[in-house]
PDB file of N, CA and C in Angstrom:
ATOM      1  N   MET A   1       0.843  -1.172   0.000  1.00  0.00           N
ATOM      2  CA  MET A   1       0.000   0.000   0.000  1.00  0.00           C
ATOM      3  C   MET A   1       0.896   1.245   0.000  1.00  0.00           C
ATOM      4  N   SER A   2       0.734   2.124  -0.997  1.00  0.00           N
ATOM      5  CA  SER A   2       1.575   3.306  -1.090  1.00  0.00           C
ATOM      6  C   SER A   2       0.947   4.481  -0.344  1.00  0.00           C
ATOM      7  N   LYS A   3       1.818   5.310   0.171  1.00  0.00           N
ATOM      8  CA  LYS A   3       1.357   6.496   0.896  1.00  0.00           C
ATOM      9  C   LYS A   3       1.118   7.615  -0.113  1.00  0.00           C
ATOM     10  N   GLN A   4      -0.095   8.162  -0.106  1.00  0.00           N
ATOM     11  CA  GLN A   4      -0.453   9.216  -1.038  1.00  0.00           C
ATOM     12  C   GLN A   4       0.113  10.550  -0.567  1.00  0.00           C
ATOM     13  N   GLU A   5       0.671  11.326  -1.495  1.00  0.00           N
ATOM     14  CA  GLU A   5       1.243  12.620  -1.151  1.00  0.00           C
ATOM     15  C   GLU A   5       0.136  13.613  -0.826  1.00  0.00           C
ATOM     16  N   LEU A   6       0.339  14.344   0.249  1.00  0.00           N
ATOM     17  CA  LEU A   6      -0.601  15.374   0.679  1.00  0.00           C
ATOM     18  C   LEU A   6      -0.245  16.662  -0.044  1.00  0.00           C
ATOM     19  N   LYS A   7      -1.219  17.216  -0.764  1.00  0.00           N
ATOM     20  CA  LYS A   7      -0.995  18.467  -1.480  1.00  0.00           C
ATOM     21  C   LYS A   7      -1.793  19.569  -0.803  1.00  0.00           C
ATOM     22  N   PHE A   8      -1.179  20.749  -0.721  1.00  0.00           N
ATOM     23  CA  PHE A   8      -1.868  21.869  -0.106  1.00  0.00           C
ATOM     24  C   PHE A   8      -1.450  23.161  -0.778  1.00  0.00           C
ATOM     25  N   GLU A   9      -2.351  24.144  -0.689  1.00  0.00           N
ATOM     26  CA  GLU A   9      -2.052  25.484  -1.178  1.00  0.00           C
ATOM     27  C   GLU A   9      -2.580  26.472  -0.141  1.00  0.00           C
ATOM     28  N   ILE A  10      -1.671  27.231   0.448  1.00  0.00           N
ATOM     29  CA  ILE A  10      -2.077  28.259   1.396  1.00  0.00           C
ATOM     30  C   ILE A  10      -2.551  29.465   0.584  1.00  0.00           C
ATOM     31  N   LEU A  11      -3.835  29.785   0.710  1.00  0.00           N
ATOM     32  CA  LEU A  11      -4.421  30.873  -0.060  1.00  0.00           C
ATOM     33  C   LEU A  11      -4.271  32.208   0.646  1.00  0.00           C
ATOM     34  N   ASN A  12      -4.396  32.209   1.973  1.00  0.00           N
ATOM     35  CA  ASN A  12      -4.254  33.431   2.764  1.00  0.00           C
ATOM     36  C   ASN A  12      -3.566  33.093   4.073  1.00  0.00           C
ATOM     37  N   GLU A  13      -2.542  33.853   4.413  1.00  0.00           N
ATOM     38  CA  GLU A  13      -1.920  33.754   5.730  1.00  0.00           C
ATOM     39  C   GLU A  13      -2.603  34.820   6.582  1.00  0.00           C
ATOM     40  N   LEU A  14      -3.545  34.396   7.425  1.00  0.00           N
ATOM     41  CA  LEU A  14      -4.389  35.333   8.156  1.00  0.00           C
ATOM     42  C   LEU A  14      -3.730  35.900   9.399  1.00  0.00           C
ATOM     43  N   GLY A  15      -2.810  35.170  10.006  1.00  0.00           N
ATOM     44  CA  GLY A  15      -2.120  35.709  11.169  1.00  0.00           C
ATOM     45  C   GLY A  15      -1.327  34.666  11.929  1.00  0.00           C
ATOM     46  N   ILE A  16      -0.364  35.148  12.692  1.00  0.00           N
ATOM     47  CA  ILE A  16       0.490  34.301  13.522  1.00  0.00           C
ATOM     48  C   ILE A  16      -0.022  34.374  14.953  1.00  0.00           C
ATOM     49  N   LEU A  17      -0.254  33.200  15.542  1.00  0.00           N
ATOM     50  CA  LEU A  17      -0.715  33.132  16.931  1.00  0.00           C
ATOM     51  C   LEU A  17       0.455  33.092  17.910  1.00  0.00           C
ATOM     52  N   SER A  18       1.531  32.402  17.528  1.00  0.00           N
ATOM     53  CA  SER A  18       2.723  32.330  18.371  1.00  0.00           C
ATOM     54  C   SER A  18       3.886  31.831  17.529  1.00  0.00           C
ATOM     55  N   GLU A  19       5.100  31.980  18.101  1.00  0.00           N
ATOM     56  CA  GLU A  19       6.300  31.509  17.412  1.00  0.00           C
ATOM     57  C   GLU A  19       7.187  30.781  18.401  1.00  0.00           C
ATOM     58  N   GLY A  20       7.671  29.614  17.985  1.00  0.00           N
ATOM     59  CA  GLY A  20       8.557  28.824  18.822  1.00  0.00           C
ATOM     60  C   GLY A  20      10.005  29.256  18.677  1.00  0.00           C
ATOM     61  N   SER A  21      10.863  28.734  19.531  1.00  0.00           N
ATOM     62  CA  SER A  21      12.277  29.119  19.549  1.00  0.00           C
ATOM     63  C   SER A  21      13.029  28.694  18.286  1.00  0.00           C
ATOM     64  N   LYS A  22      12.505  27.712  17.557  1.00  0.00           N
ATOM     65  CA  LYS A  22      13.179  27.237  16.341  1.00  0.00           C
ATOM     66  C   LYS A  22      12.578  27.835  15.072  1.00  0.00           C
ATOM     67  N   GLY A  23      11.748  28.867  15.231  1.00  0.00           N
ATOM     68  CA  GLY A  23      11.200  29.565  14.067  1.00  0.00           C
ATOM     69  C   GLY A  23       9.869  29.043  13.562  1.00  0.00           C
ATOM     70  N   TRP A  24       9.395  27.927  14.120  1.00  0.00           N
ATOM     71  CA  TRP A  24       8.090  27.406  13.716  1.00  0.00           C
ATOM     72  C   TRP A  24       7.011  28.335  14.276  1.00  0.00           C
ATOM     73  N   LYS A  25       5.992  28.597  13.458  1.00  0.00           N
ATOM     74  CA  LYS A  25       4.928  29.519  13.855  1.00  0.00           C
ATOM     75  C   LYS A  25       3.573  28.823  13.837  1.00  0.00           C
ATOM     76  N   LYS A  26       2.789  29.084  14.868  1.00  0.00           N
ATOM     77  CA  LYS A  26       1.403  28.621  14.898  1.00  0.00           C
ATOM     78  C   LYS A  26       0.595  29.694  14.185  1.00  0.00           C
ATOM     79  N   GLU A  27      -0.059  29.302  13.073  1.00  0.00           N
ATOM     80  CA  GLU A  27      -0.712  30.277  12.208  1.00  0.00           C
ATOM     81  C   GLU A  27      -2.170  29.905  11.925  1.00  0.00           C
ATOM     82  N   LEU A  28      -2.938  30.944  11.645  1.00  0.00           N
ATOM     83  CA  LEU A  28      -4.284  30.775  11.100  1.00  0.00           C
ATOM     84  C   LEU A  28      -4.173  31.068   9.613  1.00  0.00           C
ATOM     85  N   THR A  29      -4.546  30.092   8.796  1.00  0.00           N
ATOM     86  CA  THR A  29      -4.483  30.250   7.343  1.00  0.00           C
ATOM     87  C   THR A  29      -5.796  29.808   6.703  1.00  0.00           C
ATOM     88  N   ARG A  30      -5.986  30.233   5.481  1.00  0.00           N
ATOM     89  CA  ARG A  30      -7.054  29.701   4.627  1.00  0.00           C
ATOM     90  C   ARG A  30      -6.328  28.847   3.614  1.00  0.00           C
ATOM     91  N   ILE A  31      -6.680  27.564   3.558  1.00  0.00           N
ATOM     92  CA  ILE A  31      -5.871  26.591   2.829  1.00  0.00           C
ATOM     93  C   ILE A  31      -6.756  25.616   2.061  1.00  0.00           C
ATOM     94  N   SER A  32      -6.250  25.165   0.932  1.00  0.00           N
ATOM     95  CA  SER A  32      -6.926  24.126   0.159  1.00  0.00           C
ATOM     96  C   SER A  32      -6.090  22.850   0.281  1.00  0.00           C
ATOM     97  N   TRP A  33      -6.710  21.783   0.759  1.00  0.00           N
ATOM     98  CA  TRP A  33      -6.045  20.472   0.882  1.00  0.00           C
ATOM     99  C   TRP A  33      -6.439  19.615  -0.309  1.00  0.00           C
ATOM    100  N   ASN A  34      -5.459  19.099  -1.041  1.00  0.00           N
ATOM    101  CA  ASN A  34      -5.676  18.197  -2.174  1.00  0.00           C
ATOM    102  C   ASN A  34      -6.668  18.760  -3.189  1.00  0.00           C
ATOM    103  N   GLY A  35      -6.609  20.078  -3.425  1.00  0.00           N
ATOM    104  CA  GLY A  35      -7.450  20.710  -4.432  1.00  0.00           C
ATOM    105  C   GLY A  35      -8.908  20.877  -4.040  1.00  0.00           C
ATOM    106  N   GLU A  36      -9.235  20.585  -2.789  1.00  0.00           N
ATOM    107  CA  GLU A  36     -10.618  20.696  -2.315  1.00  0.00           C
ATOM    108  C   GLU A  36     -10.970  22.141  -1.984  1.00  0.00           C
ATOM    109  N   GLU A  37     -12.243  22.355  -1.627  1.00  0.00           N
ATOM    110  CA  GLU A  37     -12.733  23.669  -1.215  1.00  0.00           C
ATOM    111  C   GLU A  37     -11.877  24.204  -0.065  1.00  0.00           C
ATOM    112  N   PRO A  38     -11.478  25.474  -0.115  1.00  0.00           N
ATOM    113  CA  PRO A  38     -10.641  26.042   0.957  1.00  0.00           C
ATOM    114  C   PRO A  38     -11.323  25.986   2.319  1.00  0.00           C
ATOM    115  N   LYS A  39     -10.487  25.789   3.348  1.00  0.00           N
ATOM    116  CA  LYS A  39     -10.950  25.767   4.727  1.00  0.00           C
ATOM    117  C   LYS A  39      -9.997  26.596   5.564  1.00  0.00           C
ATOM    118  N   TYR A  40     -10.347  26.788   6.822  1.00  0.00           N
ATOM    119  CA  TYR A  40      -9.511  27.543   7.749  1.00  0.00           C
ATOM    120  C   TYR A  40      -8.718  26.550   8.582  1.00  0.00           C
ATOM    121  N   ASP A  41      -7.479  26.905   8.878  1.00  0.00           N
ATOM    122  CA  ASP A  41      -6.563  25.948   9.458  1.00  0.00           C
ATOM    123  C   ASP A  41      -5.708  26.618  10.525  1.00  0.00           C
ATOM    124  N   ILE A  42      -5.581  25.951  11.671  1.00  0.00           N
ATOM    125  CA  ILE A  42      -4.680  26.400  12.728  1.00  0.00           C
ATOM    126  C   ILE A  42      -3.671  25.282  12.943  1.00  0.00           C
ATOM    127  N   ARG A  43      -2.395  25.578  12.698  1.00  0.00           N
ATOM    128  CA  ARG A  43      -1.330  24.585  12.907  1.00  0.00           C
ATOM    129  C   ARG A  43       0.015  25.281  12.904  1.00  0.00           C
ATOM    130  N   THR A  44       1.053  24.535  13.297  1.00  0.00           N
ATOM    131  CA  THR A  44       2.412  25.067  13.270  1.00  0.00           C
ATOM    132  C   THR A  44       3.050  24.748  11.917  1.00  0.00           C
ATOM    133  N   TRP A  45       3.847  25.709  11.457  1.00  0.00           N
ATOM    134  CA  TRP A  45       4.549  25.591  10.175  1.00  0.00           C
ATOM    135  C   TRP A  45       6.007  25.966  10.369  1.00  0.00           C
ATOM    136  N   ASP A  46       6.877  25.322   9.578  1.00  0.00           N
ATOM    137  CA  ASP A  46       8.269  25.756   9.545  1.00  0.00           C
ATOM    138  C   ASP A  46       8.336  27.079   8.783  1.00  0.00           C
ATOM    139  N   PRO A  47       9.455  27.788   8.846  1.00  0.00           N
ATOM    140  CA  PRO A  47       9.532  29.098   8.210  1.00  0.00           C
ATOM    141  C   PRO A  47       9.243  29.110   6.705  1.00  0.00           C
ATOM    142  N   GLU A  48       9.486  28.006   6.011  1.00  0.00           N
ATOM    143  CA  GLU A  48       9.266  27.954   4.554  1.00  0.00           C
ATOM    144  C   GLU A  48       7.898  27.387   4.165  1.00  0.00           C
ATOM    145  N   HIS A  49       7.076  27.050   5.138  1.00  0.00           N
ATOM    146  CA  HIS A  49       5.765  26.420   4.891  1.00  0.00           C
ATOM    147  C   HIS A  49       5.894  25.124   4.079  1.00  0.00           C
ATOM    148  N   LYS A  50       6.964  24.365   4.358  1.00  0.00           N
ATOM    149  CA  LYS A  50       7.134  23.066   3.699  1.00  0.00           C
ATOM    150  C   LYS A  50       6.845  21.914   4.655  1.00  0.00           C
ATOM    151  N   LYS A  51       7.104  22.123   5.941  1.00  0.00           N
ATOM    152  CA  LYS A  51       6.829  21.120   6.971  1.00  0.00           C
ATOM    153  C   LYS A  51       5.782  21.691   7.911  1.00  0.00           C
ATOM    154  N   MET A  52       4.945  20.786   8.431  1.00  0.00           N
ATOM    155  CA  MET A  52       3.866  21.229   9.307  1.00  0.00           C
ATOM    156  C   MET A  52       3.730  20.315  10.508  1.00  0.00           C
ATOM    157  N   GLY A  53       3.153  20.861  11.556  1.00  0.00           N
ATOM    158  CA  GLY A  53       2.814  20.084  12.736  1.00  0.00           C
ATOM    159  C   GLY A  53       1.339  19.715  12.698  1.00  0.00           C
ATOM    160  N   LYS A  54       0.901  19.065  13.746  1.00  0.00           N
ATOM    161  CA  LYS A  54      -0.523  18.723  13.856  1.00  0.00           C
ATOM    162  C   LYS A  54      -1.333  19.999  13.998  1.00  0.00           C
ATOM    163  N   GLY A  55      -2.556  19.941  13.513  1.00  0.00           N
ATOM    164  CA  GLY A  55      -3.398  21.116  13.588  1.00  0.00           C
ATOM    165  C   GLY A  55      -4.867  20.753  13.501  1.00  0.00           C
ATOM    166  N   ILE A  56      -5.666  21.778  13.275  1.00  0.00           N
ATOM    167  CA  ILE A  56      -7.108  21.603  13.155  1.00  0.00           C
ATOM    168  C   ILE A  56      -7.576  22.395  11.945  1.00  0.00           C
ATOM    169  N   THR A  57      -8.475  21.794  11.174  1.00  0.00           N
ATOM    170  CA  THR A  57      -9.038  22.420   9.989  1.00  0.00           C
ATOM    171  C   THR A  57     -10.524  22.646  10.216  1.00  0.00           C
ATOM    172  N   LEU A  58     -10.993  23.849   9.877  1.00  0.00           N
ATOM    173  CA  LEU A  58     -12.377  24.241  10.143  1.00  0.00           C
ATOM    174  C   LEU A  58     -13.065  24.720   8.872  1.00  0.00           C
ATOM    175  N   THR A  59     -14.341  24.397   8.746  1.00  0.00           N
ATOM    176  CA  THR A  59     -15.156  24.989   7.695  1.00  0.00           C
ATOM    177  C   THR A  59     -15.478  26.424   8.105  1.00  0.00           C
ATOM    178  N   GLU A  60     -16.052  27.197   7.197  1.00  0.00           N
ATOM    179  CA  GLU A  60     -16.451  28.561   7.553  1.00  0.00           C
ATOM    180  C   GLU A  60     -17.477  28.540   8.691  1.00  0.00           C
ATOM    181  N   GLU A  61     -18.408  27.606   8.640  1.00  0.00           N
ATOM    182  CA  GLU A  61     -19.423  27.494   9.697  1.00  0.00           C
ATOM    183  C   GLU A  61     -18.770  27.194  11.047  1.00  0.00           C
ATOM    184  N   GLU A  62     -17.804  26.281  11.070  1.00  0.00           N
ATOM    185  CA  GLU A  62     -17.111  25.949  12.315  1.00  0.00           C
ATOM    186  C   GLU A  62     -16.289  27.134  12.816  1.00  0.00           C
ATOM    187  N   LEU A  63     -15.671  27.874  11.899  1.00  0.00           N
ATOM    188  CA  LEU A  63     -14.911  29.059  12.277  1.00  0.00           C
ATOM    189  C   LEU A  63     -15.810  30.090  12.946  1.00  0.00           C
ATOM    190  N   ARG A  64     -17.003  30.301  12.380  1.00  0.00           N
ATOM    191  CA  ARG A  64     -17.946  31.259  12.961  1.00  0.00           C
ATOM    192  C   ARG A  64     -18.416  30.803  14.348  1.00  0.00           C
ATOM    193  N   LYS A  65     -18.642  29.505  14.506  1.00  0.00           N
ATOM    194  CA  LYS A  65     -19.059  28.957  15.805  1.00  0.00           C
ATOM    195  C   LYS A  65     -17.937  29.119  16.829  1.00  0.00           C
ATOM    196  N   LEU A  66     -16.703  28.858  16.401  1.00  0.00           N
ATOM    197  CA  LEU A  66     -15.556  29.035  17.281  1.00  0.00           C
ATOM    198  C   LEU A  66     -15.440  30.489  17.718  1.00  0.00           C
ATOM    199  N   LYS A  67     -15.649  31.417  16.810  1.00  0.00           N
ATOM    200  CA  LYS A  67     -15.634  32.854  17.140  1.00  0.00           C
ATOM    201  C   LYS A  67     -16.663  33.161  18.225  1.00  0.00           C
ATOM    202  N   ASP A  68     -17.876  32.633  18.072  1.00  0.00           N
ATOM    203  CA  ASP A  68     -18.927  32.855  19.078  1.00  0.00           C
ATOM    204  C   ASP A  68     -18.512  32.297  20.440  1.00  0.00           C
ATOM    205  N   LEU A  69     -17.955  31.095  20.445  1.00  0.00           N
ATOM    206  CA  LEU A  69     -17.528  30.472  21.699  1.00  0.00           C
ATOM    207  C   LEU A  69     -16.410  31.263  22.359  1.00  0.00           C
ATOM    208  N   ILE A  70     -15.462  31.747  21.565  1.00  0.00           N
ATOM    209  CA  ILE A  70     -14.356  32.533  22.103  1.00  0.00           C
ATOM    210  C   ILE A  70     -14.877  33.846  22.678  1.00  0.00           C
ATOM    211  N   GLU A  71     -15.794  34.493  21.969  1.00  0.00           N
ATOM    212  CA  GLU A  71     -16.368  35.747  22.474  1.00  0.00           C
ATOM    213  C   GLU A  71     -17.078  35.537  23.807  1.00  0.00           C
ATOM    214  N   LYS A  72     -17.814  34.432  23.944  1.00  0.00           N
ATOM    215  CA  LYS A  72     -18.491  34.136  25.209  1.00  0.00           C
ATOM    216  C   LYS A  72     -17.483  33.910  26.333  1.00  0.00           C
ATOM    217  N   GLU A  73     -16.427  33.175  26.045  1.00  0.00           N
ATOM    218  CA  GLU A  73     -15.404  32.906  27.058  1.00  0.00           C
ATOM    219  C   GLU A  73     -14.682  34.192  27.458  1.00  0.00           C
ATOM    220  N   LEU A  74     -14.362  35.058  26.505  1.00  0.00           N
ATOM    221  CA  LEU A  74     -13.709  36.311  26.823  1.00  0.00           C
ATOM    222  C   LEU A  74     -14.600  37.210  27.677  1.00  0.00           C
ATOM    223  N   GLU A  75     -15.880  37.167  27.412  1.00  0.00           N
ATOM    224  CA  GLU A  75     -16.834  37.938  28.227  1.00  0.00           C
ATOM    225  C   GLU A  75     -16.789  37.447  29.681  1.00  0.00           C
ATOM    226  N   ILE A  76     -16.760  36.136  29.866  1.00  0.00           N
ATOM    227  CA  ILE A  76     -16.678  35.565  31.216  1.00  0.00           C
ATOM    228  C   ILE A  76     -15.369  35.976  31.884  1.00  0.00           C
ATOM    229  N   LEU A  77     -14.265  35.903  31.148  1.00  0.00           N
ATOM    230  CA  LEU A  77     -12.953  36.255  31.704  1.00  0.00           C
ATOM    231  C   LEU A  77     -12.880  37.722  32.113  1.00  0.00           C
ATOM    232  N   GLU A  78     -13.530  38.583  31.353  1.00  0.00           N
ATOM    233  CA  GLU A  78     -13.529  40.011  31.680  1.00  0.00           C
ATOM    234  C   GLU A  78     -14.291  40.316  32.957  1.00  0.00           C
ATOM    235  N   ASN A  79     -15.206  39.423  33.344  1.00  0.00           N
ATOM    236  CA  ASN A  79     -16.014  39.647  34.535  1.00  0.00           C
ATOM    237  C   ASN A  79     -15.498  38.925  35.764  1.00  0.00           C
ATOM    238  N   ILE A  80     -14.331  38.346  35.662  1.00  0.00           N
ATOM    239  CA  ILE A  80     -13.743  37.633  36.819  1.00  0.00           C
ATOM    240  C   ILE A  80     -13.008  38.626  37.692  1.00  0.00           C
TER     241      ILE A  80
END
Protein backbone atom coordinates (compact mmCIF):
# COMPACT_ATOMS: atom_id res chain seq x y z
CA MET A 1 0.00 0.00 0.00
CA SER A 2 1.57 3.31 -1.09
CA LYS A 3 1.36 6.50 0.90
CA GLN A 4 -0.45 9.22 -1.04
CA GLU A 5 1.24 12.62 -1.15
CA LEU A 6 -0.60 15.37 0.68
CA LYS A 7 -0.99 18.47 -1.48
CA PHE A 8 -1.87 21.87 -0.11
CA GLU A 9 -2.05 25.48 -1.18
CA ILE A 10 -2.08 28.26 1.40
CA LEU A 11 -4.42 30.87 -0.06
CA ASN A 12 -4.25 33.43 2.76
CA GLU A 13 -1.92 33.75 5.73
CA LEU A 14 -4.39 35.33 8.16
CA GLY A 15 -2.12 35.71 11.17
CA ILE A 16 0.49 34.30 13.52
CA LEU A 17 -0.71 33.13 16.93
CA SER A 18 2.72 32.33 18.37
CA GLU A 19 6.30 31.51 17.41
CA GLY A 20 8.56 28.82 18.82
CA SER A 21 12.28 29.12 19.55
CA LYS A 22 13.18 27.24 16.34
CA GLY A 23 11.20 29.57 14.07
CA TRP A 24 8.09 27.41 13.72
CA LYS A 25 4.93 29.52 13.86
CA LYS A 26 1.40 28.62 14.90
CA GLU A 27 -0.71 30.28 12.21
CA LEU A 28 -4.28 30.77 11.10
CA THR A 29 -4.48 30.25 7.34
CA ARG A 30 -7.05 29.70 4.63
CA ILE A 31 -5.87 26.59 2.83
CA SER A 32 -6.93 24.13 0.16
CA TRP A 33 -6.04 20.47 0.88
CA ASN A 34 -5.68 18.20 -2.17
CA GLY A 35 -7.45 20.71 -4.43
CA GLU A 36 -10.62 20.70 -2.32
CA GLU A 37 -12.73 23.67 -1.22
CA PRO A 38 -10.64 26.04 0.96
CA LYS A 39 -10.95 25.77 4.73
CA TYR A 40 -9.51 27.54 7.75
CA ASP A 41 -6.56 25.95 9.46
CA ILE A 42 -4.68 26.40 12.73
CA ARG A 43 -1.33 24.59 12.91
CA THR A 44 2.41 25.07 13.27
CA TRP A 45 4.55 25.59 10.17
CA ASP A 46 8.27 25.76 9.55
CA PRO A 47 9.53 29.10 8.21
CA GLU A 48 9.27 27.95 4.55
CA HIS A 49 5.76 26.42 4.89
CA LYS A 50 7.13 23.07 3.70
CA LYS A 51 6.83 21.12 6.97
CA MET A 52 3.87 21.23 9.31
CA GLY A 53 2.81 20.08 12.74
CA LYS A 54 -0.52 18.72 13.86
CA GLY A 55 -3.40 21.12 13.59
CA ILE A 56 -7.11 21.60 13.15
CA THR A 57 -9.04 22.42 9.99
CA LEU A 58 -12.38 24.24 10.14
CA THR A 59 -15.16 24.99 7.69
CA GLU A 60 -16.45 28.56 7.55
CA GLU A 61 -19.42 27.49 9.70
CA GLU A 62 -17.11 25.95 12.31
CA LEU A 63 -14.91 29.06 12.28
CA ARG A 64 -17.95 31.26 12.96
CA LYS A 65 -19.06 28.96 15.80
CA LEU A 66 -15.56 29.03 17.28
CA LYS A 67 -15.63 32.85 17.14
CA ASP A 68 -18.93 32.85 19.08
CA LEU A 69 -17.53 30.47 21.70
CA ILE A 70 -14.36 32.53 22.10
CA GLU A 71 -16.37 35.75 22.47
CA LYS A 72 -18.49 34.14 25.21
CA GLU A 73 -15.40 32.91 27.06
CA LEU A 74 -13.71 36.31 26.82
CA GLU A 75 -16.83 37.94 28.23
CA ILE A 76 -16.68 35.56 31.22
CA LEU A 77 -12.95 36.25 31.70
CA GLU A 78 -13.53 40.01 31.68
CA ASN A 79 -16.01 39.65 34.53
CA ILE A 80 -13.74 37.63 36.82
